[in-house]
C-alpha atoms as a PDB file:
ATOM      1  CA  MET A   1      26.053   6.066  12.321  1.00  0.00           C
ATOM      2  CA  HIS A   2      23.082   6.706  13.884  1.00  0.00           C
ATOM      3  CA  GLY A   3      23.748  10.693  13.781  1.00  0.00           C
ATOM      4  CA  LYS A   4      24.445  10.532  10.446  1.00  0.00           C
ATOM      5  CA  ILE A   5      21.218   8.830   9.847  1.00  0.00           C
ATOM      6  CA  LEU A   6      19.124  11.245  12.338  1.00  0.00           C
ATOM      7  CA  THR A   7      20.755  14.549  10.477  1.00  0.00           C
ATOM      8  CA  ALA A   8      19.681  13.388   7.252  1.00  0.00           C
ATOM      9  CA  LEU A   9      16.066  12.824   8.539  1.00  0.00           C
ATOM     10  CA  LEU A  10      16.060  16.094   9.808  1.00  0.00           C
ATOM     11  CA  LEU A  11      16.660  18.019   6.547  1.00  0.00           C
ATOM     12  CA  ALA A  12      14.656  15.408   4.617  1.00  0.00           C
ATOM     13  CA  GLY A  13      12.397  17.107   2.498  1.00  0.00           C
ATOM     14  CA  GLY A  14      10.064  14.679   0.118  1.00  0.00           C
ATOM     15  CA  ALA A  15      11.779  12.404  -1.781  1.00  0.00           C
ATOM     16  CA  CYS A  16      15.256  13.605  -1.217  1.00  0.00           C
ATOM     17  CA  LEU A  17      17.648  14.946   1.120  1.00  0.00           C
ATOM     18  CA  VAL A  18      18.247  19.308   1.511  1.00  0.00           C
ATOM     19  CA  THR A  19      21.780  20.045   1.006  1.00  0.00           C
ATOM     20  CA  ALA A  20      22.831  22.983   2.856  1.00  0.00           C
ATOM     21  CA  ASP A  21      22.833  25.395   0.274  1.00  0.00           C
ATOM     22  CA  ALA A  22      18.985  24.440  -0.377  1.00  0.00           C
ATOM     23  CA  ALA A  23      18.387  24.406   3.659  1.00  0.00           C
ATOM     24  CA  GLN A  24      20.037  28.305   3.529  1.00  0.00           C
ATOM     25  CA  THR A  25      17.689  28.803   0.674  1.00  0.00           C
ATOM     26  CA  ALA A  26      14.303  27.098   2.227  1.00  0.00           C
ATOM     27  CA  SER A  27      15.106  29.305   5.364  1.00  0.00           C
ATOM     28  CA  THR A  28      14.323  32.582   3.630  1.00  0.00           C
ATOM     29  CA  CYS A  29      10.720  31.554   3.375  1.00  0.00           C
ATOM     30  CA  ASP A  30       9.133  31.810   6.648  1.00  0.00           C
ATOM     31  CA  ARG A  31       5.984  30.255   8.388  1.00  0.00           C
ATOM     32  CA  GLU A  32       3.949  32.819   7.174  1.00  0.00           C
ATOM     33  CA  CYS A  33       5.119  32.926   3.659  1.00  0.00           C
ATOM     34  CA  LEU A  34       5.189  29.210   3.486  1.00  0.00           C
ATOM     35  CA  ARG A  35       1.660  29.577   4.531  1.00  0.00           C
ATOM     36  CA  GLY A  36       0.698  31.862   1.382  1.00  0.00           C
ATOM     37  CA  TYR A  37       1.865  29.084  -0.750  1.00  0.00           C
ATOM     38  CA  ILE A  38      -0.834  26.753   0.400  1.00  0.00           C
ATOM     39  CA  THR A  39      -3.503  29.648   0.221  1.00  0.00           C
ATOM     40  CA  GLN A  40      -2.064  30.503  -3.123  1.00  0.00           C
ATOM     41  CA  VAL A  41      -2.636  26.870  -4.647  1.00  0.00           C
ATOM     42  CA  LEU A  42      -5.780  26.264  -3.080  1.00  0.00           C
ATOM     43  CA  TYR A  43      -7.247  29.092  -4.525  1.00  0.00           C
ATOM     44  CA  ALA A  44      -6.215  28.659  -7.788  1.00  0.00           C
ATOM     45  CA  PHE A  45      -7.467  25.275  -7.880  1.00  0.00           C
ATOM     46  CA  VAL A  46     -11.234  26.625  -6.677  1.00  0.00           C
ATOM     47  CA  LYS A  47     -10.370  29.051  -9.873  1.00  0.00           C
ATOM     48  CA  HIS A  48      -9.686  26.308 -11.954  1.00  0.00           C
ATOM     49  CA  ASP A  49      -6.614  28.364 -13.093  1.00  0.00           C
ATOM     50  CA  VAL A  50      -2.944  27.149 -11.881  1.00  0.00           C
ATOM     51  CA  SER A  51      -1.236  29.312 -14.922  1.00  0.00           C
ATOM     52  CA  LYS A  52      -0.610  32.180 -11.995  1.00  0.00           C
ATOM     53  CA  LEU A  53       1.457  29.972  -9.592  1.00  0.00           C
ATOM     54  CA  PRO A  54       5.073  29.987  -9.008  1.00  0.00           C
ATOM     55  CA  VAL A  55       6.142  26.788 -10.015  1.00  0.00           C
ATOM     56  CA  ALA A  56       9.516  26.061 -10.744  1.00  0.00           C
ATOM     57  CA  ASP A  57      10.947  24.593 -14.489  1.00  0.00           C
ATOM     58  CA  ASN A  58      11.493  21.558 -12.935  1.00  0.00           C
ATOM     59  CA  LEU A  59       7.989  20.938 -11.151  1.00  0.00           C
ATOM     60  CA  ARG A  60       7.150  17.791 -10.194  1.00  0.00           C
ATOM     61  CA  VAL A  61       3.150  17.013  -9.580  1.00  0.00           C
ATOM     62  CA  THR A  62       1.693  13.730  -8.109  1.00  0.00           C
ATOM     63  CA  GLU A  63      -1.915  13.224  -7.619  1.00  0.00           C
ATOM     64  CA  ASN A  64      -2.906   9.924  -5.487  1.00  0.00           C
ATOM     65  CA  ALA A  65       0.691   8.647  -6.638  1.00  0.00           C
ATOM     66  CA  ASP A  66       0.381   9.403 -10.210  1.00  0.00           C
ATOM     67  CA  ASP A  67       2.992  11.672 -11.696  1.00  0.00           C
ATOM     68  CA  LYS A  68       0.295  14.335 -13.844  1.00  0.00           C
ATOM     69  CA  PRO A  69       0.652  17.611 -15.381  1.00  0.00           C
ATOM     70  CA  LEU A  70      -0.542  20.679 -13.008  1.00  0.00           C
ATOM     71  CA  LYS A  71      -3.010  21.652 -15.325  1.00  0.00           C
ATOM     72  CA  SER A  72      -4.490  18.318 -15.785  1.00  0.00           C
ATOM     73  CA  LEU A  73      -5.017  17.542 -12.157  1.00  0.00           C
ATOM     74  CA  ASP A  74      -8.572  16.670 -10.576  1.00  0.00           C
ATOM     75  CA  VAL A  75      -8.465  18.713  -8.117  1.00  0.00           C
ATOM     76  CA  VAL A  76      -8.068  21.788 -10.740  1.00  0.00           C
ATOM     77  CA  ARG A  77     -10.694  20.696 -12.853  1.00  0.00           C
ATOM     78  CA  TYR A  78     -13.441  19.356 -10.304  1.00  0.00           C
ATOM     79  CA  VAL A  79     -13.107  21.122  -7.069  1.00  0.00           C
ATOM     80  CA  THR A  80     -15.686  23.725  -6.502  1.00  0.00           C
ATOM     81  CA  GLY A  81     -14.830  25.685  -3.086  1.00  0.00           C
ATOM     82  CA  LEU A  82     -13.072  25.580   0.230  1.00  0.00           C
ATOM     83  CA  HIS A  83     -15.079  23.715   3.205  1.00  0.00           C
ATOM     84  CA  GLY A  84     -13.601  25.485   6.065  1.00  0.00           C
ATOM     85  CA  TYR A  85     -11.140  22.875   7.570  1.00  0.00           C
ATOM     86  CA  ARG A  86      -7.389  23.318   7.072  1.00  0.00           C
ATOM     87  CA  GLN A  87      -4.525  22.414   9.226  1.00  0.00           C
ATOM     88  CA  ASP A  88      -1.028  23.320   8.219  1.00  0.00           C
ATOM     89  CA  TYR A  89       1.984  21.634   8.542  1.00  0.00           C
ATOM     90  CA  LEU A  90       4.954  24.396   8.342  1.00  0.00           C
ATOM     91  CA  ASP A  91       8.772  23.274   7.891  1.00  0.00           C
ATOM     92  CA  GLU A  92      10.591  26.498   7.748  1.00  0.00           C
ATOM     93  CA  ARG A  93      13.969  24.594   7.824  1.00  0.00           C
ATOM     94  CA  ALA A  94      13.564  22.412   4.878  1.00  0.00           C
ATOM     95  CA  GLY A  95      10.867  24.709   3.058  1.00  0.00           C
ATOM     96  CA  ILE A  96       8.107  22.287   3.046  1.00  0.00           C
ATOM     97  CA  ALA A  97       4.551  23.695   3.269  1.00  0.00           C
ATOM     98  CA  GLY A  98       1.979  20.962   4.340  1.00  0.00           C
ATOM     99  CA  ALA A  99      -1.690  20.800   5.170  1.00  0.00           C
ATOM    100  CA  GLY A 100      -5.048  18.732   5.459  1.00  0.00           C
ATOM    101  CA  VAL A 101      -7.890  20.686   3.938  1.00  0.00           C
ATOM    102  CA  MET A 102     -11.370  20.148   3.397  1.00  0.00           C
ATOM    103  CA  LEU A 103     -12.348  20.683  -0.028  1.00  0.00           C
ATOM    104  CA  GLU A 104     -15.891  20.805  -1.660  1.00  0.00           C
ATOM    105  CA  GLU A 105     -16.866  19.131  -5.169  1.00  0.00           C
ATOM    106  CA  SER A 106     -20.430  20.196  -6.455  1.00  0.00           C
ATOM    107  CA  GLY A 107     -21.293  20.455  -2.456  1.00  0.00           C
ATOM    108  CA  ALA A 108     -19.993  17.194  -1.428  1.00  0.00           C
ATOM    109  CA  PRO A 109     -16.662  17.232   1.105  1.00  0.00           C
ATOM    110  CA  VAL A 110     -13.423  16.091  -0.432  1.00  0.00           C
ATOM    111  CA  LEU A 111     -10.421  15.869   1.991  1.00  0.00           C
ATOM    112  CA  LEU A 112      -7.188  16.579   0.484  1.00  0.00           C
ATOM    113  CA  ALA A 113      -3.722  16.011   2.049  1.00  0.00           C
ATOM    114  CA  MET A 114      -0.982  18.203   0.434  1.00  0.00           C
ATOM    115  CA  ARG A 115       2.361  18.616   0.597  1.00  0.00           C
ATOM    116  CA  LEU A 116       4.538  21.629  -1.340  1.00  0.00           C
ATOM    117  CA  LYS A 117       8.348  21.439  -1.504  1.00  0.00           C
ATOM    118  CA  ILE A 118       9.569  25.715  -1.938  1.00  0.00           C
ATOM    119  CA  VAL A 119      12.890  26.377  -2.821  1.00  0.00           C
ATOM    120  CA  ALA A 120      13.713  30.086  -4.416  1.00  0.00           C
ATOM    121  CA  GLY A 121      10.409  31.308  -4.430  1.00  0.00           C
ATOM    122  CA  ARG A 122       9.266  28.520  -6.535  1.00  0.00           C
ATOM    123  CA  ILE A 123       7.312  25.540  -6.204  1.00  0.00           C
ATOM    124  CA  THR A 124       9.317  22.283  -7.101  1.00  0.00           C
ATOM    125  CA  GLU A 125       7.124  19.695  -5.624  1.00  0.00           C
ATOM    126  CA  MET A 126       3.572  18.955  -5.320  1.00  0.00           C
ATOM    127  CA  GLU A 127       2.231  15.999  -3.390  1.00  0.00           C
ATOM    128  CA  LEU A 128      -1.436  15.374  -3.434  1.00  0.00           C
ATOM    129  CA  VAL A 129      -3.789  12.566  -2.300  1.00  0.00           C
ATOM    130  CA  THR A 130      -7.469  13.157  -2.350  1.00  0.00           C
ATOM    131  CA  THR A 131     -10.379  11.409  -0.684  1.00  0.00           C
ATOM    132  CA  SER A 132     -14.012  11.704  -1.516  1.00  0.00           C
ATOM    133  CA  ASN A 133     -15.982   8.894   0.287  1.00  0.00           C
ATOM    134  CA  ARG A 134     -15.658   5.940   2.521  1.00  0.00           C
ATOM    135  CA  ALA A 135     -15.041   3.597  -0.158  1.00  0.00           C
ATOM    136  CA  GLU A 136     -11.933   5.417  -1.105  1.00  0.00           C
ATOM    137  CA  GLY A 137     -10.697   5.868   2.642  1.00  0.00           C
ATOM    138  CA  LEU A 138     -12.578   3.143   4.512  1.00  0.00           C
ATOM    139  CA  ILE A 139     -13.064   5.887   7.051  1.00  0.00           C
ATOM    140  CA  PHE A 140     -14.689   9.622   6.349  1.00  0.00           C
ATOM    141  CA  ASN A 141     -16.432  11.257   9.243  1.00  0.00           C
ATOM    142  CA  MET A 142     -16.438  15.064   7.855  1.00  0.00           C
ATOM    143  CA  GLU A 143     -18.517  15.799  10.760  1.00  0.00           C
ATOM    144  CA  HIS A 144     -15.304  15.841  12.902  1.00  0.00           C
ATOM    145  CA  LEU A 145     -13.492  18.190  10.338  1.00  0.00           C
ATOM    146  CA  THR A 146     -15.136  21.225  10.591  1.00  0.00           C
ATOM    147  CA  ALA A 147     -12.217  22.781  12.116  1.00  0.00           C
ATOM    148  CA  ALA A 148      -8.563  22.127  13.026  1.00  0.00           C
ATOM    149  CA  SER A 149      -8.565  20.373  16.470  1.00  0.00           C
ATOM    150  CA  GLU A 150      -7.297  21.838  19.888  1.00  0.00           C
ATOM    151  CA  GLY A 151      -5.051  19.114  20.388  1.00  0.00           C
ATOM    152  CA  MET A 152      -2.974  19.768  17.042  1.00  0.00           C
ATOM    153  CA  ASN A 153      -2.901  23.870  17.207  1.00  0.00           C
ATOM    154  CA  TYR A 154      -1.491  23.684  21.062  1.00  0.00           C
ATOM    155  CA  ALA A 155       1.409  25.627  20.998  1.00  0.00           C
ATOM    156  CA  PRO A 156       3.989  24.181  23.667  1.00  0.00           C
ATOM    157  CA  ARG A 157       5.372  26.388  26.376  1.00  0.00           C
ATOM    158  CA  PRO A 158       9.265  26.913  26.311  1.00  0.00           C
ATOM    159  CA  ASP A 159       9.608  24.436  28.495  1.00  0.00           C
ATOM    160  CA  GLU A 160       7.741  21.888  27.012  1.00  0.00           C
ATOM    161  CA  GLN A 161       9.438  22.041  23.719  1.00  0.00           C
ATOM    162  CA  ASN A 162      11.868  19.410  22.211  1.00  0.00           C
ATOM    163  CA  THR A 163      14.194  19.382  19.538  1.00  0.00           C
ATOM    164  CA  ARG A 164      13.888  18.607  15.831  1.00  0.00           C
ATOM    165  CA  GLU A 165      15.594  15.341  16.692  1.00  0.00           C
ATOM    166  CA  GLU A 166      13.392  14.474  19.687  1.00  0.00           C
ATOM    167  CA  ILE A 167      10.014  14.980  18.221  1.00  0.00           C
ATOM    168  CA  ILE A 168      11.252  13.023  15.399  1.00  0.00           C
ATOM    169  CA  LYS A 169      12.683  10.371  17.443  1.00  0.00           C
ATOM    170  CA  ALA A 170       9.404  10.144  19.175  1.00  0.00           C
ATOM    171  CA  ALA A 171       7.175  10.020  16.006  1.00  0.00           C
ATOM    172  CA  LEU A 172       8.867   7.510  14.528  1.00  0.00           C
ATOM    173  CA  LYS A 173       8.311   4.896  17.395  1.00  0.00           C
ATOM    174  CA  TYR A 174       4.690   4.615  15.465  1.00  0.00           C
ATOM    175  CA  PRO A 175       5.668   2.762  12.445  1.00  0.00           C
ATOM    176  CA  GLU A 176       8.373   0.895  14.189  1.00  0.00           C
ATOM    177  CA  GLY A 177       5.456  -0.223  16.359  1.00  0.00           C
ATOM    178  CA  PHE A 178       3.423  -1.614  12.938  1.00  0.00           C
ATOM    179  CA  THR A 179       6.775  -3.702  11.940  1.00  0.00           C
ATOM    180  CA  LYS A 180       7.894  -5.163  15.044  1.00  0.00           C
ATOM    181  CA  ALA A 181       5.249  -5.493  17.705  1.00  0.00           C
ATOM    182  CA  GLU A 182       1.620  -5.759  18.573  1.00  0.00           C
ATOM    183  CA  THR A 183       0.943  -2.459  20.751  1.00  0.00           C
ATOM    184  CA  PHE A 184       2.969   0.569  20.794  1.00  0.00           C
ATOM    185  CA  ALA A 185       4.115   0.203  24.308  1.00  0.00           C
ATOM    186  CA  ALA A 186       6.080  -2.941  23.425  1.00  0.00           C
ATOM    187  CA  VAL A 187       8.175  -0.579  21.446  1.00  0.00           C
ATOM    188  CA  GLY A 188       8.076   2.235  24.027  1.00  0.00           C
ATOM    189  CA  ALA A 189       5.625   4.854  21.995  1.00  0.00           C
ATOM    190  CA  PRO A 190       6.148   7.620  24.466  1.00  0.00           C
ATOM    191  CA  PHE A 191       2.225   8.389  23.922  1.00  0.00           C
ATOM    192  CA  ALA A 192       0.727  10.582  27.053  1.00  0.00           C
ATOM    193  CA  PRO A 193      -2.218   8.830  28.978  1.00  0.00           C
ATOM    194  CA  ASP A 194      -4.730  11.075  27.360  1.00  0.00           C
ATOM    195  CA  ALA A 195      -3.079  10.902  23.199  1.00  0.00           C
ATOM    196  CA  TYR A 196      -5.664  10.177  20.663  1.00  0.00           C
ATOM    197  CA  ARG A 197      -5.906   9.266  16.871  1.00  0.00           C
ATOM    198  CA  PHE A 198      -8.260  10.508  14.567  1.00  0.00           C
ATOM    199  CA  GLU A 199      -8.671   9.023  10.742  1.00  0.00           C
ATOM    200  CA  ASN A 200     -10.226  10.854   8.409  1.00  0.00           C
ATOM    201  CA  GLY A 201     -12.162  12.452  11.025  1.00  0.00           C
ATOM    202  CA  GLN A 202     -13.257   9.301  12.976  1.00  0.00           C
ATOM    203  CA  LEU A 203     -12.010   8.637  16.615  1.00  0.00           C
ATOM    204  CA  MET A 204     -10.122   5.674  16.150  1.00  0.00           C
ATOM    205  CA  ALA A 205      -7.842   5.797  19.743  1.00  0.00           C
ATOM    206  CA  GLY A 206      -7.915   7.589  22.891  1.00  0.00           C
ATOM    207  CA  PRO A 207     -10.153   8.705  25.685  1.00  0.00           C
ATOM    208  CA  GLY A 208     -13.655   8.496  24.808  1.00  0.00           C
ATOM    209  CA  CYS A 209     -13.034   6.023  21.308  1.00  0.00           C
ATOM    210  CA  THR A 210     -15.637   3.390  21.409  1.00  0.00           C
ATOM    211  CA  PHE A 211     -14.757   2.297  17.441  1.00  0.00           C
ATOM    212  CA  PHE A 212     -13.605  -0.878  18.463  1.00  0.00           C
ATOM    213  CA  LYS A 213     -12.708  -2.758  21.972  1.00  0.00           C
ATOM    214  CA  GLY A 214      -9.921  -1.540  23.545  1.00  0.00           C
ATOM    215  CA  CYS A 215      -9.285   1.709  21.540  1.00  0.00           C
ATOM    216  CA  GLU A 216      -9.471   3.609  24.717  1.00  0.00           C
ATOM    217  CA  GLN A 217      -6.025   3.441  25.016  1.00  0.00           C
ATOM    218  CA  ILE A 218      -3.705   4.055  22.071  1.00  0.00           C
ATOM    219  CA  LYS A 219      -0.429   2.904  23.906  1.00  0.00           C
ATOM    220  CA  SER A 220      -2.017  -0.594  24.756  1.00  0.00           C
ATOM    221  CA  GLN A 221      -4.648  -1.127  22.054  1.00  0.00           C
ATOM    222  CA  ARG A 222      -3.921  -4.074  19.706  1.00  0.00           C
ATOM    223  CA  ILE A 223      -2.319  -3.127  16.290  1.00  0.00           C
ATOM    224  CA  PRO A 224      -1.467  -5.395  13.202  1.00  0.00           C
ATOM    225  CA  THR A 225       1.660  -6.127  12.058  1.00  0.00           C
ATOM    226  CA  LEU A 226       2.516  -4.676   8.754  1.00  0.00           C
ATOM    227  CA  ALA A 227       6.142  -5.894   7.339  1.00  0.00           C
ATOM    228  CA  LYS A 228       6.133  -3.984   4.260  1.00  0.00           C
ATOM    229  CA  LEU A 229       5.097  -0.843   5.670  1.00  0.00           C
ATOM    230  CA  VAL A 230       7.345   1.984   4.170  1.00  0.00           C
ATOM    231  CA  PHE A 231       7.461   6.127   5.474  1.00  0.00           C
ATOM    232  CA  ARG A 232       9.469   8.842   5.284  1.00  0.00           C
ATOM    233  CA  ILE A 233       9.306  12.134   6.996  1.00  0.00           C
ATOM    234  CA  ALA A 234       7.410  14.468   4.939  1.00  0.00           C
ATOM    235  CA  ALA A 235       7.634  17.775   6.794  1.00  0.00           C
ATOM    236  CA  VAL A 236       8.896  19.055  10.565  1.00  0.00           C
ATOM    237  CA  ASP A 237       6.961  21.886  12.300  1.00  0.00           C
ATOM    238  CA  GLU A 238       9.160  22.737  14.869  1.00  0.00           C
ATOM    239  CA  GLU A 239       7.581  25.557  16.201  1.00  0.00           C
ATOM    240  CA  GLN A 240       4.575  23.475  17.074  1.00  0.00           C
ATOM    241  CA  GLY A 241       5.853  20.258  17.860  1.00  0.00           C
ATOM    242  CA  VAL A 242       4.691  18.139  14.623  1.00  0.00           C
ATOM    243  CA  VAL A 243       5.905  15.674  12.733  1.00  0.00           C
ATOM    244  CA  LEU A 244       4.052  14.797   9.407  1.00  0.00           C
ATOM    245  CA  ILE A 245       5.023  11.375   8.337  1.00  0.00           C
ATOM    246  CA  ARG A 246       4.150   9.999   4.734  1.00  0.00           C
ATOM    247  CA  MET A 247       3.200   6.268   4.990  1.00  0.00           C
ATOM    248  CA  ASP A 248       2.282   3.384   2.682  1.00  0.00           C
ATOM    249  CA  PHE A 249       1.061   0.644   5.209  1.00  0.00           C
ATOM    250  CA  GLY A 250       1.181  -2.161   2.688  1.00  0.00           C
ATOM    251  CA  PRO A 251      -0.165  -5.416   1.607  1.00  0.00           C
ATOM    252  CA  GLY A 252      -2.729  -6.420   4.797  1.00  0.00           C
ATOM    253  CA  SER A 253      -3.355  -2.595   5.881  1.00  0.00           C
ATOM    254  CA  VAL A 254      -6.862  -2.743   4.411  1.00  0.00           C
ATOM    255  CA  PHE A 255      -9.367  -5.290   5.117  1.00  0.00           C
ATOM    256  CA  SER A 256     -10.855  -7.364   1.844  1.00  0.00           C
ATOM    257  CA  ALA A 257     -14.798  -7.905   1.886  1.00  0.00           C
ATOM    258  CA  PRO A 258     -15.827 -10.960  -0.083  1.00  0.00           C
ATOM    259  CA  ASN A 259     -16.724  -9.097  -2.987  1.00  0.00           C
ATOM    260  CA  GLY A 260     -14.196  -6.375  -2.447  1.00  0.00           C
ATOM    261  CA  PRO A 261     -10.610  -5.622  -4.344  1.00  0.00           C
ATOM    262  CA  LYS A 262      -8.243  -7.737  -3.371  1.00  0.00           C
ATOM    263  CA  ASP A 263      -4.417  -6.616  -2.443  1.00  0.00           C
ATOM    264  CA  GLN A 264      -4.916  -2.855  -1.246  1.00  0.00           C
ATOM    265  CA  SER A 265      -2.792  -0.954   0.761  1.00  0.00           C
ATOM    266  CA  LEU A 266      -3.031   2.430   2.754  1.00  0.00           C
ATOM    267  CA  SER A 267      -1.539   5.555   1.539  1.00  0.00           C
ATOM    268  CA  VAL A 268      -1.311   7.874   4.720  1.00  0.00           C
ATOM    269  CA  PHE A 269      -0.614  11.394   5.700  1.00  0.00           C
ATOM    270  CA  GLU A 270      -0.146  11.090   9.663  1.00  0.00           C
ATOM    271  CA  ALA A 271       0.562  14.131  11.925  1.00  0.00           C
ATOM    272  CA  PHE A 272       2.320  13.356  15.430  1.00  0.00           C
ATOM    273  CA  LYS A 273       2.078  16.368  17.568  1.00  0.00           C
ATOM    274  CA  VAL A 274       5.032  16.009  20.236  1.00  0.00           C
ATOM    275  CA  TYR A 275       6.007  17.967  23.117  1.00  0.00           C
ATOM    276  CA  GLY A 276       7.073  17.649  26.694  1.00  0.00           C
ATOM    277  CA  GLY A 277       8.588  14.420  25.773  1.00  0.00           C
ATOM    278  CA  GLN A 278       5.298  12.478  24.808  1.00  0.00           C
ATOM    279  CA  ILE A 279       3.052  12.278  21.621  1.00  0.00           C
ATOM    280  CA  HIS A 280      -0.411  14.036  22.371  1.00  0.00           C
ATOM    281  CA  ALA A 281      -2.156  13.658  19.292  1.00  0.00           C
ATOM    282  CA  VAL A 282      -2.299  11.732  16.050  1.00  0.00           C
ATOM    283  CA  GLU A 283      -4.473  13.008  12.944  1.00  0.00           C
ATOM    284  CA  ALA A 284      -4.148  10.720   9.776  1.00  0.00           C
ATOM    285  CA  PHE A 285      -5.271  11.290   6.462  1.00  0.00           C
ATOM    286  CA  MET A 286      -5.526   8.263   4.193  1.00  0.00           C
ATOM    287  CA  LYS A 287      -6.893   6.637   1.199  1.00  0.00           C
ATOM    288  CA  THR A 288      -6.704   3.386  -0.135  1.00  0.00           C
ATOM    289  CA  LYS A 289      -4.467   2.121  -3.447  1.00  0.00           C
ATOM    290  CA  PRO A 290      -3.314  -1.092  -5.175  1.00  0.00           C
ATOM    291  CA  ALA A 291      -0.727  -2.417  -2.723  1.00  0.00           C
ATOM    292  CA  SER A 292       1.659  -2.536  -5.559  1.00  0.00           C
ATOM    293  CA  GLN A 293       1.333   1.017  -6.624  1.00  0.00           C
ATOM    294  CA  PRO A 294       4.035   2.700  -4.900  1.00  0.00           C
ATOM    295  CA  LEU A 295       3.666   6.231  -3.602  1.00  0.00           C
ATOM    296  CA  GLY A 296       5.847   8.080  -6.178  1.00  0.00           C
ATOM    297  CA  TRP A 297       8.190   9.798  -3.804  1.00  0.00           C
ATOM    298  CA  GLU A 298      10.030   6.985  -2.137  1.00  0.00           C
ATOM    299  CA  GLY A 299      14.023   7.941  -1.461  1.00  0.00           C
END
């Protein structure tokens, strides 16, 4: 039974499972092909013209969990440039191109998390989350997002590489920790001693962390219990050893100020760098949302 569940996870691409035929079709688009789709979409946003994008007739698009027509997206109407930071997550087996990108809106930074699904040379799914300021993201430290990080882009040696199944199993200890324990150590999450976590550009765990007491060690730091956290595998970059998980942290994940909005949740794209059997880096892009609002791509 566990083997069947894991096999389904391995082929998961967005909201649905990839069939054998679809996986074969997706495999015809290699890493550079997938990367090219990301580039094409980003420049279409900047040019405010998505008419030439290779989209399927059944294209589905969400922006901040709301279904929208492609040409009506805020990123199409308001984005004015690319800011330099870009981190790609390329899943050849499932035909998924994910990315975290810094955009500009009239000179101000905008953080974009994006997932594209490619089938037979056409974009069939586009999932976008944008964060423009601290109020939207709780944390918004763009000074640390001038370039893609060294940790996330380390190329594992052949003897360090793990299988697709192994890196997924390691990454899934993260949501398990939030739902079952007060520390990641309690669920056996395989964090390396020097593992770190960035959230919207801010170091929140790992060596050098000063954000709160005890954050220097991600494995033993105290974490909240989030009983209603939901998640799915968004992409698995086997070559780089990265698992991208899409999460809704659920009620209780956002601290409510006395006069602030109530019943908020965190909408998160979180990437896990896994090699040598350990998680070495975690980098998250997140935005607040109403707790009652679904992410839009639940299975």
